[in-house]
Amino acid sequence: VQLVESGGGLVQPGGSLRLSCAASGFTFSRYVMSWYRQAPGKERELVTSISQTGGTTDYADSVKGRFTISRDNAKNTVYLQMNSLKPEDTAVYYCKILGIDYWGQGTQVTVSS
């Protein structure tokens, strides 16, 4: 199993970023995928998840209406579009196979003016 996150960076409040997670080593289309984040000094938290076909998504209340998860099973990739970013969104973001204890290296998102 390999999950490689990318797309993080420094953005001003109100800005947008699109994260990508390239998956390999397993049958991507069979698994629910998710994004987690961990802010400094805080526990890792589930941000959003998407079903195998992309038809069902769930979001933490803190990101609902601002973040959108999507997936492309042909490309074995899951995405996280983040809009209207706030300083409290600053964290390392990880994609994860839901229910499988494997973590990639994550990608840093910093929201600051």
N, C-alpha and C. Protein backbone atom coordinates (compact mmCIF):
# COMPACT_ATOMS: atom_id res chain seq x y z
N VAL A 1 0.85 -1.20 0.00
CA VAL A 1 0.00 0.00 0.00
C VAL A 1 0.88 1.24 0.00
N GLN A 2 0.51 2.20 -0.83
CA GLN A 2 1.21 3.48 -0.82
C GLN A 2 0.19 4.60 -1.09
N LEU A 3 0.27 5.63 -0.26
CA LEU A 3 -0.55 6.82 -0.41
C LEU A 3 0.37 8.02 -0.40
N VAL A 4 0.33 8.82 -1.46
CA VAL A 4 1.23 9.97 -1.58
C VAL A 4 0.39 11.23 -1.73
N GLU A 5 0.41 12.05 -0.69
CA GLU A 5 -0.34 13.30 -0.69
C GLU A 5 0.49 14.42 -1.28
N SER A 6 -0.18 15.35 -1.93
CA SER A 6 0.50 16.53 -2.49
C SER A 6 -0.50 17.68 -2.59
N GLY A 7 0.04 18.86 -2.85
CA GLY A 7 -0.81 20.02 -3.08
C GLY A 7 -0.90 21.00 -1.92
N GLY A 8 -0.27 20.68 -0.81
CA GLY A 8 -0.30 21.60 0.31
C GLY A 8 0.55 22.82 0.07
N GLY A 9 0.46 23.77 1.00
CA GLY A 9 1.27 24.98 0.88
C GLY A 9 0.78 26.05 1.81
N LEU A 10 1.28 27.26 1.58
CA LEU A 10 0.90 28.44 2.35
C LEU A 10 -0.14 29.23 1.56
N VAL A 11 -1.24 29.55 2.21
CA VAL A 11 -2.31 30.29 1.55
C VAL A 11 -2.88 31.31 2.53
N GLN A 12 -3.36 32.41 2.01
CA GLN A 12 -3.96 33.43 2.86
C GLN A 12 -5.38 33.02 3.26
N PRO A 13 -5.85 33.53 4.37
CA PRO A 13 -7.25 33.26 4.76
C PRO A 13 -8.20 33.64 3.63
N GLY A 14 -9.18 32.77 3.41
CA GLY A 14 -10.12 32.98 2.31
C GLY A 14 -9.69 32.35 1.00
N GLY A 15 -8.47 31.87 0.97
CA GLY A 15 -7.94 31.26 -0.25
C GLY A 15 -8.35 29.81 -0.42
N SER A 16 -7.82 29.20 -1.47
CA SER A 16 -8.18 27.83 -1.81
C SER A 16 -6.93 27.00 -2.09
N LEU A 17 -7.06 25.72 -1.86
CA LEU A 17 -6.04 24.74 -2.22
C LEU A 17 -6.74 23.47 -2.66
N ARG A 18 -6.07 22.71 -3.51
CA ARG A 18 -6.58 21.39 -3.90
C ARG A 18 -5.51 20.35 -3.60
N LEU A 19 -5.84 19.46 -2.70
CA LEU A 19 -4.94 18.37 -2.35
C LEU A 19 -5.22 17.15 -3.21
N SER A 20 -4.18 16.40 -3.49
CA SER A 20 -4.32 15.14 -4.23
C SER A 20 -3.66 14.02 -3.43
N CYS A 21 -4.18 12.82 -3.63
CA CYS A 21 -3.59 11.65 -2.99
C CYS A 21 -3.55 10.53 -4.03
N ALA A 22 -2.35 10.17 -4.42
CA ALA A 22 -2.16 9.09 -5.38
C ALA A 22 -1.99 7.78 -4.64
N ALA A 23 -2.84 6.82 -4.97
CA ALA A 23 -2.85 5.53 -4.28
C ALA A 23 -2.31 4.42 -5.17
N SER A 24 -1.64 3.48 -4.56
CA SER A 24 -1.15 2.32 -5.29
C SER A 24 -0.99 1.14 -4.34
N GLY A 25 -0.90 -0.05 -4.91
CA GLY A 25 -0.66 -1.24 -4.11
C GLY A 25 -1.91 -1.93 -3.60
N PHE A 26 -3.06 -1.44 -3.97
CA PHE A 26 -4.31 -2.07 -3.58
C PHE A 26 -5.39 -1.70 -4.60
N THR A 27 -6.51 -2.37 -4.53
CA THR A 27 -7.59 -2.10 -5.48
C THR A 27 -8.38 -0.89 -5.00
N PHE A 28 -7.98 0.25 -5.48
CA PHE A 28 -8.46 1.54 -5.00
C PHE A 28 -9.99 1.64 -5.01
N SER A 29 -10.60 1.17 -6.07
CA SER A 29 -12.04 1.36 -6.25
C SER A 29 -12.88 0.55 -5.25
N ARG A 30 -12.27 -0.33 -4.50
CA ARG A 30 -13.01 -1.15 -3.55
C ARG A 30 -13.11 -0.54 -2.16
N TYR A 31 -12.41 0.57 -1.95
CA TYR A 31 -12.29 1.10 -0.60
C TYR A 31 -12.86 2.51 -0.44
N VAL A 32 -13.47 2.72 0.74
CA VAL A 32 -13.83 4.07 1.14
C VAL A 32 -12.54 4.81 1.46
N MET A 33 -12.43 6.01 0.95
CA MET A 33 -11.24 6.82 1.19
C MET A 33 -11.60 8.03 2.05
N SER A 34 -10.61 8.55 2.75
CA SER A 34 -10.86 9.65 3.67
C SER A 34 -9.68 10.60 3.71
N TRP A 35 -9.94 11.77 4.24
CA TRP A 35 -8.90 12.74 4.56
C TRP A 35 -8.97 13.01 6.06
N TYR A 36 -7.81 12.99 6.69
CA TYR A 36 -7.65 13.37 8.08
C TYR A 36 -6.73 14.58 8.14
N ARG A 37 -6.73 15.23 9.27
CA ARG A 37 -5.76 16.30 9.49
C ARG A 37 -5.32 16.31 10.94
N GLN A 38 -4.11 16.82 11.15
CA GLN A 38 -3.59 16.95 12.50
C GLN A 38 -2.95 18.32 12.64
N ALA A 39 -3.54 19.12 13.50
CA ALA A 39 -2.99 20.45 13.79
C ALA A 39 -1.98 20.34 14.92
N PRO A 40 -1.07 21.30 15.01
CA PRO A 40 -0.06 21.26 16.08
C PRO A 40 -0.69 21.16 17.46
N GLY A 41 -0.24 20.19 18.23
CA GLY A 41 -0.73 20.03 19.59
C GLY A 41 -2.10 19.40 19.71
N LYS A 42 -2.66 18.96 18.60
CA LYS A 42 -4.00 18.38 18.62
C LYS A 42 -3.98 16.96 18.07
N GLU A 43 -5.04 16.23 18.38
CA GLU A 43 -5.16 14.87 17.86
C GLU A 43 -5.57 14.89 16.39
N ARG A 44 -5.22 13.81 15.71
CA ARG A 44 -5.61 13.68 14.32
C ARG A 44 -7.14 13.54 14.25
N GLU A 45 -7.76 14.21 13.29
CA GLU A 45 -9.21 14.18 13.20
C GLU A 45 -9.65 13.85 11.77
N LEU A 46 -10.78 13.15 11.68
CA LEU A 46 -11.37 12.83 10.38
C LEU A 46 -12.04 14.07 9.82
N VAL A 47 -11.68 14.42 8.60
CA VAL A 47 -12.23 15.60 7.94
C VAL A 47 -13.39 15.22 7.02
N THR A 48 -13.16 14.19 6.20
CA THR A 48 -14.16 13.82 5.21
C THR A 48 -13.89 12.41 4.69
N SER A 49 -14.92 11.79 4.14
CA SER A 49 -14.76 10.48 3.54
C SER A 49 -15.65 10.39 2.30
N ILE A 50 -15.31 9.43 1.43
CA ILE A 50 -16.05 9.25 0.19
C ILE A 50 -16.18 7.75 -0.08
N SER A 51 -17.35 7.36 -0.52
CA SER A 51 -17.62 5.95 -0.78
C SER A 51 -16.87 5.47 -2.02
N GLN A 52 -16.95 4.18 -2.24
CA GLN A 52 -16.17 3.56 -3.31
C GLN A 52 -16.48 4.16 -4.69
N THR A 53 -17.72 4.46 -4.95
CA THR A 53 -18.10 5.02 -6.25
C THR A 53 -18.16 6.55 -6.25
N GLY A 54 -17.99 7.13 -5.08
CA GLY A 54 -18.07 8.58 -4.97
C GLY A 54 -19.47 9.11 -4.74
N GLY A 55 -20.43 8.22 -4.62
CA GLY A 55 -21.81 8.66 -4.49
C GLY A 55 -22.20 9.16 -3.11
N THR A 56 -21.42 8.81 -2.11
CA THR A 56 -21.71 9.23 -0.74
C THR A 56 -20.49 9.88 -0.13
N THR A 57 -20.69 11.05 0.43
CA THR A 57 -19.61 11.77 1.10
C THR A 57 -20.09 12.23 2.47
N ASP A 58 -19.14 12.37 3.38
CA ASP A 58 -19.42 12.89 4.72
C ASP A 58 -18.37 13.91 5.08
N TYR A 59 -18.76 14.89 5.88
CA TYR A 59 -17.84 15.96 6.25
C TYR A 59 -17.96 16.28 7.73
N ALA A 60 -16.85 16.64 8.32
CA ALA A 60 -16.88 17.20 9.66
C ALA A 60 -17.61 18.54 9.60
N ASP A 61 -18.29 18.86 10.67
CA ASP A 61 -19.05 20.12 10.70
C ASP A 61 -18.15 21.33 10.45
N SER A 62 -16.90 21.24 10.88
CA SER A 62 -15.99 22.38 10.77
C SER A 62 -15.62 22.72 9.32
N VAL A 63 -15.83 21.78 8.39
CA VAL A 63 -15.45 22.03 7.00
C VAL A 63 -16.63 21.96 6.04
N LYS A 64 -17.79 21.60 6.55
CA LYS A 64 -18.96 21.43 5.71
C LYS A 64 -19.28 22.73 4.96
N GLY A 65 -19.48 22.61 3.65
CA GLY A 65 -19.77 23.78 2.84
C GLY A 65 -18.54 24.47 2.29
N ARG A 66 -17.36 24.11 2.79
CA ARG A 66 -16.12 24.73 2.32
C ARG A 66 -15.21 23.72 1.61
N PHE A 67 -15.21 22.49 2.07
CA PHE A 67 -14.35 21.45 1.49
C PHE A 67 -15.19 20.49 0.66
N THR A 68 -14.58 19.94 -0.40
CA THR A 68 -15.24 18.95 -1.24
C THR A 68 -14.27 17.81 -1.53
N ILE A 69 -14.67 16.60 -1.19
CA ILE A 69 -13.86 15.43 -1.51
C ILE A 69 -14.39 14.82 -2.81
N SER A 70 -13.46 14.30 -3.61
CA SER A 70 -13.84 13.61 -4.84
C SER A 70 -12.79 12.55 -5.12
N ARG A 71 -13.10 11.69 -6.07
CA ARG A 71 -12.15 10.63 -6.42
C ARG A 71 -12.26 10.31 -7.90
N ASP A 72 -11.15 9.82 -8.43
CA ASP A 72 -11.10 9.35 -9.81
C ASP A 72 -10.56 7.93 -9.77
N ASN A 73 -11.44 6.96 -9.86
CA ASN A 73 -11.01 5.57 -9.74
C ASN A 73 -10.14 5.12 -10.91
N ALA A 74 -10.27 5.79 -12.05
CA ALA A 74 -9.41 5.45 -13.20
C ALA A 74 -7.97 5.88 -12.96
N LYS A 75 -7.80 6.89 -12.12
CA LYS A 75 -6.46 7.41 -11.83
C LYS A 75 -5.98 7.02 -10.43
N ASN A 76 -6.80 6.25 -9.70
CA ASN A 76 -6.43 5.85 -8.34
C ASN A 76 -6.05 7.06 -7.49
N THR A 77 -6.86 8.09 -7.57
CA THR A 77 -6.55 9.34 -6.90
C THR A 77 -7.78 9.88 -6.18
N VAL A 78 -7.56 10.40 -4.99
CA VAL A 78 -8.61 11.10 -4.24
C VAL A 78 -8.17 12.54 -4.05
N TYR A 79 -9.13 13.44 -4.10
CA TYR A 79 -8.85 14.88 -4.04
C TYR A 79 -9.57 15.52 -2.86
N LEU A 80 -9.04 16.65 -2.45
CA LEU A 80 -9.73 17.47 -1.46
C LEU A 80 -9.63 18.92 -1.91
N GLN A 81 -10.74 19.47 -2.35
CA GLN A 81 -10.81 20.89 -2.72
C GLN A 81 -11.18 21.67 -1.47
N MET A 82 -10.33 22.61 -1.11
CA MET A 82 -10.55 23.38 0.12
C MET A 82 -10.71 24.84 -0.25
N ASN A 83 -11.85 25.39 0.03
CA ASN A 83 -12.16 26.80 -0.25
C ASN A 83 -12.41 27.55 1.05
N SER A 84 -12.38 28.85 0.96
CA SER A 84 -12.64 29.72 2.13
C SER A 84 -11.81 29.27 3.32
N LEU A 85 -10.54 29.06 3.10
CA LEU A 85 -9.68 28.53 4.15
C LEU A 85 -9.53 29.51 5.31
N LYS A 86 -9.43 28.93 6.50
CA LYS A 86 -9.31 29.70 7.74
C LYS A 86 -8.00 29.31 8.43
N PRO A 87 -7.47 30.18 9.27
CA PRO A 87 -6.25 29.82 10.01
C PRO A 87 -6.39 28.51 10.79
N GLU A 88 -7.57 28.22 11.28
CA GLU A 88 -7.77 26.98 12.03
C GLU A 88 -7.75 25.74 11.16
N ASP A 89 -7.68 25.90 9.84
CA ASP A 89 -7.51 24.76 8.94
C ASP A 89 -6.04 24.35 8.83
N THR A 90 -5.16 25.13 9.40
CA THR A 90 -3.73 24.82 9.36
C THR A 90 -3.47 23.46 10.02
N ALA A 91 -2.85 22.56 9.28
CA ALA A 91 -2.61 21.20 9.76
C ALA A 91 -1.84 20.42 8.71
N VAL A 92 -1.38 19.26 9.10
CA VAL A 92 -0.89 18.28 8.13
C VAL A 92 -2.09 17.44 7.72
N TYR A 93 -2.30 17.32 6.42
CA TYR A 93 -3.44 16.59 5.88
C TYR A 93 -2.98 15.24 5.34
N TYR A 94 -3.72 14.21 5.70
CA TYR A 94 -3.41 12.85 5.30
C TYR A 94 -4.60 12.22 4.60
N CYS A 95 -4.35 11.50 3.53
CA CYS A 95 -5.43 10.65 3.01
C CYS A 95 -5.25 9.27 3.61
N LYS A 96 -6.35 8.54 3.67
CA LYS A 96 -6.32 7.25 4.38
C LYS A 96 -7.40 6.33 3.83
N ILE A 97 -7.07 5.07 3.76
CA ILE A 97 -8.08 4.06 3.47
C ILE A 97 -8.87 3.88 4.76
N LEU A 98 -10.15 4.13 4.73
CA LEU A 98 -10.93 4.06 5.95
C LEU A 98 -10.91 2.64 6.51
N GLY A 99 -10.54 2.51 7.75
CA GLY A 99 -10.51 1.20 8.41
C GLY A 99 -9.19 0.48 8.31
N ILE A 100 -8.26 1.03 7.57
CA ILE A 100 -6.93 0.42 7.42
C ILE A 100 -5.92 1.33 8.12
N ASP A 101 -5.10 0.72 8.98
CA ASP A 101 -4.15 1.51 9.76
C ASP A 101 -2.86 1.72 8.98
N TYR A 102 -2.93 2.56 7.98
CA TYR A 102 -1.75 2.94 7.21
C TYR A 102 -1.84 4.45 6.95
N TRP A 103 -0.72 5.12 7.14
CA TRP A 103 -0.67 6.57 6.93
C TRP A 103 0.44 6.92 5.97
N GLY A 104 0.15 7.84 5.07
CA GLY A 104 1.18 8.38 4.21
C GLY A 104 1.97 9.45 4.95
N GLN A 105 2.75 10.21 4.21
CA GLN A 105 3.60 11.22 4.85
C GLN A 105 2.84 12.51 5.12
N GLY A 106 1.71 12.70 4.47
CA GLY A 106 0.92 13.90 4.69
C GLY A 106 1.44 15.09 3.89
N THR A 107 0.62 16.13 3.84
CA THR A 107 1.02 17.37 3.18
C THR A 107 0.60 18.54 4.07
N GLN A 108 1.52 19.48 4.25
CA GLN A 108 1.29 20.59 5.17
C GLN A 108 0.44 21.67 4.51
N VAL A 109 -0.59 22.09 5.20
CA VAL A 109 -1.41 23.23 4.78
C VAL A 109 -1.30 24.29 5.86
N THR A 110 -0.88 25.48 5.47
CA THR A 110 -0.75 26.60 6.39
C THR A 110 -1.58 27.76 5.88
N VAL A 111 -2.50 28.22 6.71
CA VAL A 111 -3.37 29.33 6.35
C VAL A 111 -2.98 30.52 7.22
N SER A 112 -2.39 31.51 6.60
CA SER A 112 -1.87 32.64 7.36
C SER A 112 -1.71 33.85 6.46
N SER A 113 -1.89 35.02 7.04
CA SER A 113 -1.67 36.25 6.29
C SER A 113 -0.26 36.76 6.51
